[in-house]
Amino acid sequence: MNRLSRRFLIPLPLIALLWSPSRAEPVDFTLNDLDGTAVTLSDFRGRWVVVNFWASWCSPCIRELPELVSYQRENPGVQVLGINFEEISVDEARDFLEPFGINFPNLKIGSTPLVPFEPLEGLPTTAIIGPSGELVERHMGPVTSAQLRDIIERHTH
């Protein structure tokens, strides 16, 4: 074997390893809901999960909330989770959400960044988590119920 071919044989396994398709690692977090109960993302394994980051001062978030309520009502096999991404009290968050008839858990952001969700590029941000816990898509800006259906359908087939 000449010197040139030996030089290329060594990095080939490394290149193959780096280029081989791999499954995304499951993501997980635990945050408290507005009642103080711990909610863990991995508790929803086996289901699609829509994780929506919002704030009360964010007008696109406000316009999006009825769409999330509608989506959760029409898709009970998918779990929507809201995450209040601001420093307001639990009572303020609860009062803000009350008129929307929220039908999914809302969590308070913690002090530790939620990797790989953060840093966020803006609000609202919605992450779609597959049944095995992998982050399959991230959407910045408001989403509609129809867009959520399309996103999940695209990743199902």
C-alpha atoms as a PDB file:
ATOM      1  CA  MET A   1       0.000   0.000   0.000  1.00  0.00           C
ATOM      2  CA  ASN A   2       1.515   3.321  -0.979  1.00  0.00           C
ATOM      3  CA  ARG A   3       1.718   6.351   1.285  1.00  0.00           C
ATOM      4  CA  LEU A   4      -1.071   8.245  -0.510  1.00  0.00           C
ATOM      5  CA  SER A   5      -3.662   5.493  -0.085  1.00  0.00           C
ATOM      6  CA  ARG A   6      -2.733   5.027   3.598  1.00  0.00           C
ATOM      7  CA  ARG A   7      -3.286   8.721   4.161  1.00  0.00           C
ATOM      8  CA  PHE A   8      -6.876   8.464   2.857  1.00  0.00           C
ATOM      9  CA  LEU A   9      -7.742   5.231   4.677  1.00  0.00           C
ATOM     10  CA  ILE A  10      -7.366   6.734   8.114  1.00  0.00           C
ATOM     11  CA  PRO A  11      -9.951   9.516   7.753  1.00  0.00           C
ATOM     12  CA  LEU A  12     -12.513   7.379   5.863  1.00  0.00           C
ATOM     13  CA  PRO A  13     -14.064   5.832   8.999  1.00  0.00           C
ATOM     14  CA  LEU A  14     -14.297   9.283  10.557  1.00  0.00           C
ATOM     15  CA  ILE A  15     -15.972  10.713   7.443  1.00  0.00           C
ATOM     16  CA  ALA A  16     -18.398   7.780   7.309  1.00  0.00           C
ATOM     17  CA  LEU A  17     -19.291   8.308  10.963  1.00  0.00           C
ATOM     18  CA  LEU A  18     -19.900  12.038  10.499  1.00  0.00           C
ATOM     19  CA  TRP A  19     -22.011  11.597   7.355  1.00  0.00           C
ATOM     20  CA  SER A  20     -24.041   8.603   8.444  1.00  0.00           C
ATOM     21  CA  PRO A  21     -27.708   9.320   9.107  1.00  0.00           C
ATOM     22  CA  SER A  22     -28.482   9.322  12.792  1.00  0.00           C
ATOM     23  CA  ARG A  23     -31.637   9.732  14.789  1.00  0.00           C
ATOM     24  CA  ALA A  24     -32.062  12.862  16.775  1.00  0.00           C
ATOM     25  CA  GLU A  25     -31.714  12.439  20.496  1.00  0.00           C
ATOM     26  CA  PRO A  26     -34.909  12.723  22.522  1.00  0.00           C
ATOM     27  CA  VAL A  27     -35.373  16.102  24.172  1.00  0.00           C
ATOM     28  CA  ASP A  28     -36.733  16.515  27.658  1.00  0.00           C
ATOM     29  CA  PHE A  29     -37.492  19.107  30.311  1.00  0.00           C
ATOM     30  CA  THR A  30     -39.500  19.460  33.492  1.00  0.00           C
ATOM     31  CA  LEU A  31     -41.273  22.727  34.307  1.00  0.00           C
ATOM     32  CA  ASN A  32     -44.060  23.638  36.711  1.00  0.00           C
ATOM     33  CA  ASP A  33     -47.523  24.385  35.408  1.00  0.00           C
ATOM     34  CA  LEU A  34     -49.556  27.317  36.719  1.00  0.00           C
ATOM     35  CA  ASP A  35     -50.757  25.192  39.664  1.00  0.00           C
ATOM     36  CA  GLY A  36     -47.179  24.323  40.669  1.00  0.00           C
ATOM     37  CA  THR A  37     -47.363  20.732  39.391  1.00  0.00           C
ATOM     38  CA  ALA A  38     -44.229  19.449  37.640  1.00  0.00           C
ATOM     39  CA  VAL A  39     -44.817  18.555  33.981  1.00  0.00           C
ATOM     40  CA  THR A  40     -42.163  16.504  32.175  1.00  0.00           C
ATOM     41  CA  LEU A  41     -42.011  16.383  28.392  1.00  0.00           C
ATOM     42  CA  SER A  42     -41.031  12.692  28.348  1.00  0.00           C
ATOM     43  CA  ASP A  43     -44.344  11.840  30.080  1.00  0.00           C
ATOM     44  CA  PHE A  44     -45.912  12.359  26.650  1.00  0.00           C
ATOM     45  CA  ARG A  45     -43.695   9.859  24.766  1.00  0.00           C
ATOM     46  CA  GLY A  46     -45.732   7.986  22.196  1.00  0.00           C
ATOM     47  CA  ARG A  47     -47.665  11.147  21.266  1.00  0.00           C
ATOM     48  CA  TRP A  48     -46.908  14.181  19.153  1.00  0.00           C
ATOM     49  CA  VAL A  49     -46.320  17.265  21.303  1.00  0.00           C
ATOM     50  CA  VAL A  50     -46.636  20.902  20.261  1.00  0.00           C
ATOM     51  CA  VAL A  51     -44.525  23.111  22.557  1.00  0.00           C
ATOM     52  CA  ASN A  52     -45.454  26.781  22.203  1.00  0.00           C
ATOM     53  CA  PHE A  53     -43.408  29.595  23.760  1.00  0.00           C
ATOM     54  CA  TRP A  54     -45.478  32.757  24.350  1.00  0.00           C
ATOM     55  CA  ALA A  55     -45.623  35.997  26.326  1.00  0.00           C
ATOM     56  CA  SER A  56     -48.542  38.238  27.308  1.00  0.00           C
ATOM     57  CA  TRP A  57     -46.916  41.314  25.700  1.00  0.00           C
ATOM     58  CA  CYS A  58     -46.520  39.510  22.343  1.00  0.00           C
ATOM     59  CA  SER A  59     -49.400  40.445  20.016  1.00  0.00           C
ATOM     60  CA  PRO A  60     -48.735  37.550  17.555  1.00  0.00           C
ATOM     61  CA  CYS A  61     -48.841  35.187  20.566  1.00  0.00           C
ATOM     62  CA  ILE A  62     -52.225  36.595  21.559  1.00  0.00           C
ATOM     63  CA  ARG A  63     -53.600  36.109  18.033  1.00  0.00           C
ATOM     64  CA  GLU A  64     -52.234  32.546  18.013  1.00  0.00           C
ATOM     65  CA  LEU A  65     -53.779  31.336  21.294  1.00  0.00           C
ATOM     66  CA  PRO A  66     -57.273  30.652  19.850  1.00  0.00           C
ATOM     67  CA  GLU A  67     -55.634  28.573  17.098  1.00  0.00           C
ATOM     68  CA  LEU A  68     -53.805  26.464  19.692  1.00  0.00           C
ATOM     69  CA  VAL A  69     -57.051  25.985  21.660  1.00  0.00           C
ATOM     70  CA  SER A  70     -58.818  24.922  18.459  1.00  0.00           C
ATOM     71  CA  TYR A  71     -55.987  22.578  17.485  1.00  0.00           C
ATOM     72  CA  GLN A  72     -55.975  20.877  20.910  1.00  0.00           C
ATOM     73  CA  ARG A  73     -59.777  20.449  20.832  1.00  0.00           C
ATOM     74  CA  GLU A  74     -59.709  18.921  17.328  1.00  0.00           C
ATOM     75  CA  ASN A  75     -56.612  16.740  17.941  1.00  0.00           C
ATOM     76  CA  PRO A  76     -56.865  15.115  21.371  1.00  0.00           C
ATOM     77  CA  GLY A  77     -54.155  12.583  20.431  1.00  0.00           C
ATOM     78  CA  VAL A  78     -51.614  15.409  20.221  1.00  0.00           C
ATOM     79  CA  GLN A  79     -50.565  17.276  23.352  1.00  0.00           C
ATOM     80  CA  VAL A  80     -50.153  21.050  23.242  1.00  0.00           C
ATOM     81  CA  LEU A  81     -47.960  22.580  25.955  1.00  0.00           C
ATOM     82  CA  GLY A  82     -47.694  26.342  26.390  1.00  0.00           C
ATOM     83  CA  ILE A  83     -44.621  27.855  28.001  1.00  0.00           C
ATOM     84  CA  ASN A  84     -44.939  31.379  29.375  1.00  0.00           C
ATOM     85  CA  PHE A  85     -41.604  32.923  28.409  1.00  0.00           C
ATOM     86  CA  GLU A  86     -41.593  36.025  30.587  1.00  0.00           C
ATOM     87  CA  GLU A  87     -41.150  37.069  34.176  1.00  0.00           C
ATOM     88  CA  ILE A  88     -44.718  37.497  35.376  1.00  0.00           C
ATOM     89  CA  SER A  89     -46.374  35.836  38.319  1.00  0.00           C
ATOM     90  CA  VAL A  90     -48.390  32.658  38.021  1.00  0.00           C
ATOM     91  CA  ASP A  91     -51.516  34.646  38.931  1.00  0.00           C
ATOM     92  CA  GLU A  92     -50.815  37.177  36.166  1.00  0.00           C
ATOM     93  CA  ALA A  93     -50.317  34.353  33.637  1.00  0.00           C
ATOM     94  CA  ARG A  94     -53.502  32.623  34.779  1.00  0.00           C
ATOM     95  CA  ASP A  95     -55.496  35.890  34.567  1.00  0.00           C
ATOM     96  CA  PHE A  96     -54.095  36.599  31.104  1.00  0.00           C
ATOM     97  CA  LEU A  97     -55.047  33.129  29.791  1.00  0.00           C
ATOM     98  CA  GLU A  98     -58.536  32.958  31.330  1.00  0.00           C
ATOM     99  CA  PRO A  99     -60.462  34.681  28.490  1.00  0.00           C
ATOM    100  CA  PHE A 100     -58.992  32.273  25.924  1.00  0.00           C
ATOM    101  CA  GLY A 101     -60.529  29.111  27.436  1.00  0.00           C
ATOM    102  CA  ILE A 102     -57.139  27.392  27.401  1.00  0.00           C
ATOM    103  CA  ASN A 103     -57.515  23.591  27.191  1.00  0.00           C
ATOM    104  CA  PHE A 104     -53.851  22.575  27.493  1.00  0.00           C
ATOM    105  CA  PRO A 105     -51.202  22.861  30.218  1.00  0.00           C
ATOM    106  CA  ASN A 106     -49.277  26.098  30.475  1.00  0.00           C
ATOM    107  CA  LEU A 107     -45.889  26.054  32.124  1.00  0.00           C
ATOM    108  CA  LYS A 108     -43.648  28.749  33.566  1.00  0.00           C
ATOM    109  CA  ILE A 109     -40.182  29.047  32.060  1.00  0.00           C
ATOM    110  CA  GLY A 110     -37.443  28.130  34.516  1.00  0.00           C
ATOM    111  CA  SER A 111     -34.092  29.748  35.173  1.00  0.00           C
ATOM    112  CA  THR A 112     -32.114  27.169  33.174  1.00  0.00           C
ATOM    113  CA  PRO A 113     -32.183  27.405  29.361  1.00  0.00           C
ATOM    114  CA  LEU A 114     -34.198  24.656  27.687  1.00  0.00           C
ATOM    115  CA  VAL A 115     -31.675  23.204  25.262  1.00  0.00           C
ATOM    116  CA  PRO A 116     -32.205  22.657  22.306  1.00  0.00           C
ATOM    117  CA  PHE A 117     -35.247  24.964  22.329  1.00  0.00           C
ATOM    118  CA  GLU A 118     -33.352  28.040  23.465  1.00  0.00           C
ATOM    119  CA  PRO A 119     -32.108  30.507  22.623  1.00  0.00           C
ATOM    120  CA  LEU A 120     -35.324  31.572  20.930  1.00  0.00           C
ATOM    121  CA  GLU A 121     -35.122  33.820  17.893  1.00  0.00           C
ATOM    122  CA  GLY A 122     -38.444  35.462  18.747  1.00  0.00           C
ATOM    123  CA  LEU A 123     -41.956  34.885  20.011  1.00  0.00           C
ATOM    124  CA  PRO A 124     -44.082  33.007  19.471  1.00  0.00           C
ATOM    125  CA  THR A 125     -41.917  29.975  18.775  1.00  0.00           C
ATOM    126  CA  THR A 126     -43.425  26.521  18.362  1.00  0.00           C
ATOM    127  CA  ALA A 127     -41.496  23.265  18.523  1.00  0.00           C
ATOM    128  CA  ILE A 128     -42.926  20.001  17.228  1.00  0.00           C
ATOM    129  CA  ILE A 129     -41.807  16.928  19.168  1.00  0.00           C
ATOM    130  CA  GLY A 130     -42.251  13.488  17.590  1.00  0.00           C
ATOM    131  CA  PRO A 131     -43.647  10.475  19.450  1.00  0.00           C
ATOM    132  CA  SER A 132     -40.139   9.203  20.252  1.00  0.00           C
ATOM    133  CA  GLY A 133     -39.200  12.558  21.786  1.00  0.00           C
ATOM    134  CA  GLU A 134     -37.143  14.074  18.987  1.00  0.00           C
ATOM    135  CA  LEU A 135     -37.450  17.723  17.991  1.00  0.00           C
ATOM    136  CA  VAL A 136     -38.631  17.427  14.384  1.00  0.00           C
ATOM    137  CA  GLU A 137     -39.430  21.029  13.511  1.00  0.00           C
ATOM    138  CA  ARG A 138     -39.270  24.514  14.927  1.00  0.00           C
ATOM    139  CA  HIS A 139     -41.457  27.389  13.736  1.00  0.00           C
ATOM    140  CA  MET A 140     -40.915  31.043  14.607  1.00  0.00           C
ATOM    141  CA  GLY A 141     -43.999  33.225  14.367  1.00  0.00           C
ATOM    142  CA  PRO A 142     -47.677  32.452  14.864  1.00  0.00           C
ATOM    143  CA  VAL A 143     -49.063  29.112  13.690  1.00  0.00           C
ATOM    144  CA  THR A 144     -52.580  28.126  12.762  1.00  0.00           C
ATOM    145  CA  SER A 145     -54.377  24.901  13.521  1.00  0.00           C
ATOM    146  CA  ALA A 146     -54.124  23.974   9.822  1.00  0.00           C
ATOM    147  CA  GLN A 147     -50.359  24.618   9.790  1.00  0.00           C
ATOM    148  CA  LEU A 148     -49.886  22.364  12.825  1.00  0.00           C
ATOM    149  CA  ARG A 149     -51.868  19.582  11.129  1.00  0.00           C
ATOM    150  CA  ASP A 150     -49.741  19.981   7.980  1.00  0.00           C
ATOM    151  CA  ILE A 151     -46.449  19.951   9.898  1.00  0.00           C
ATOM    152  CA  ILE A 152     -47.305  16.776  11.797  1.00  0.00           C
ATOM    153  CA  GLU A 153     -48.697  15.091   8.694  1.00  0.00           C
ATOM    154  CA  ARG A 154     -45.512  15.922   6.776  1.00  0.00           C
ATOM    155  CA  HIS A 155     -43.398  14.221   9.456  1.00  0.00           C
ATOM    156  CA  THR A 156     -45.752  11.244   9.797  1.00  0.00           C
ATOM    157  CA  HIS A 157     -45.443  10.064   6.204  1.00  0.00           C
END
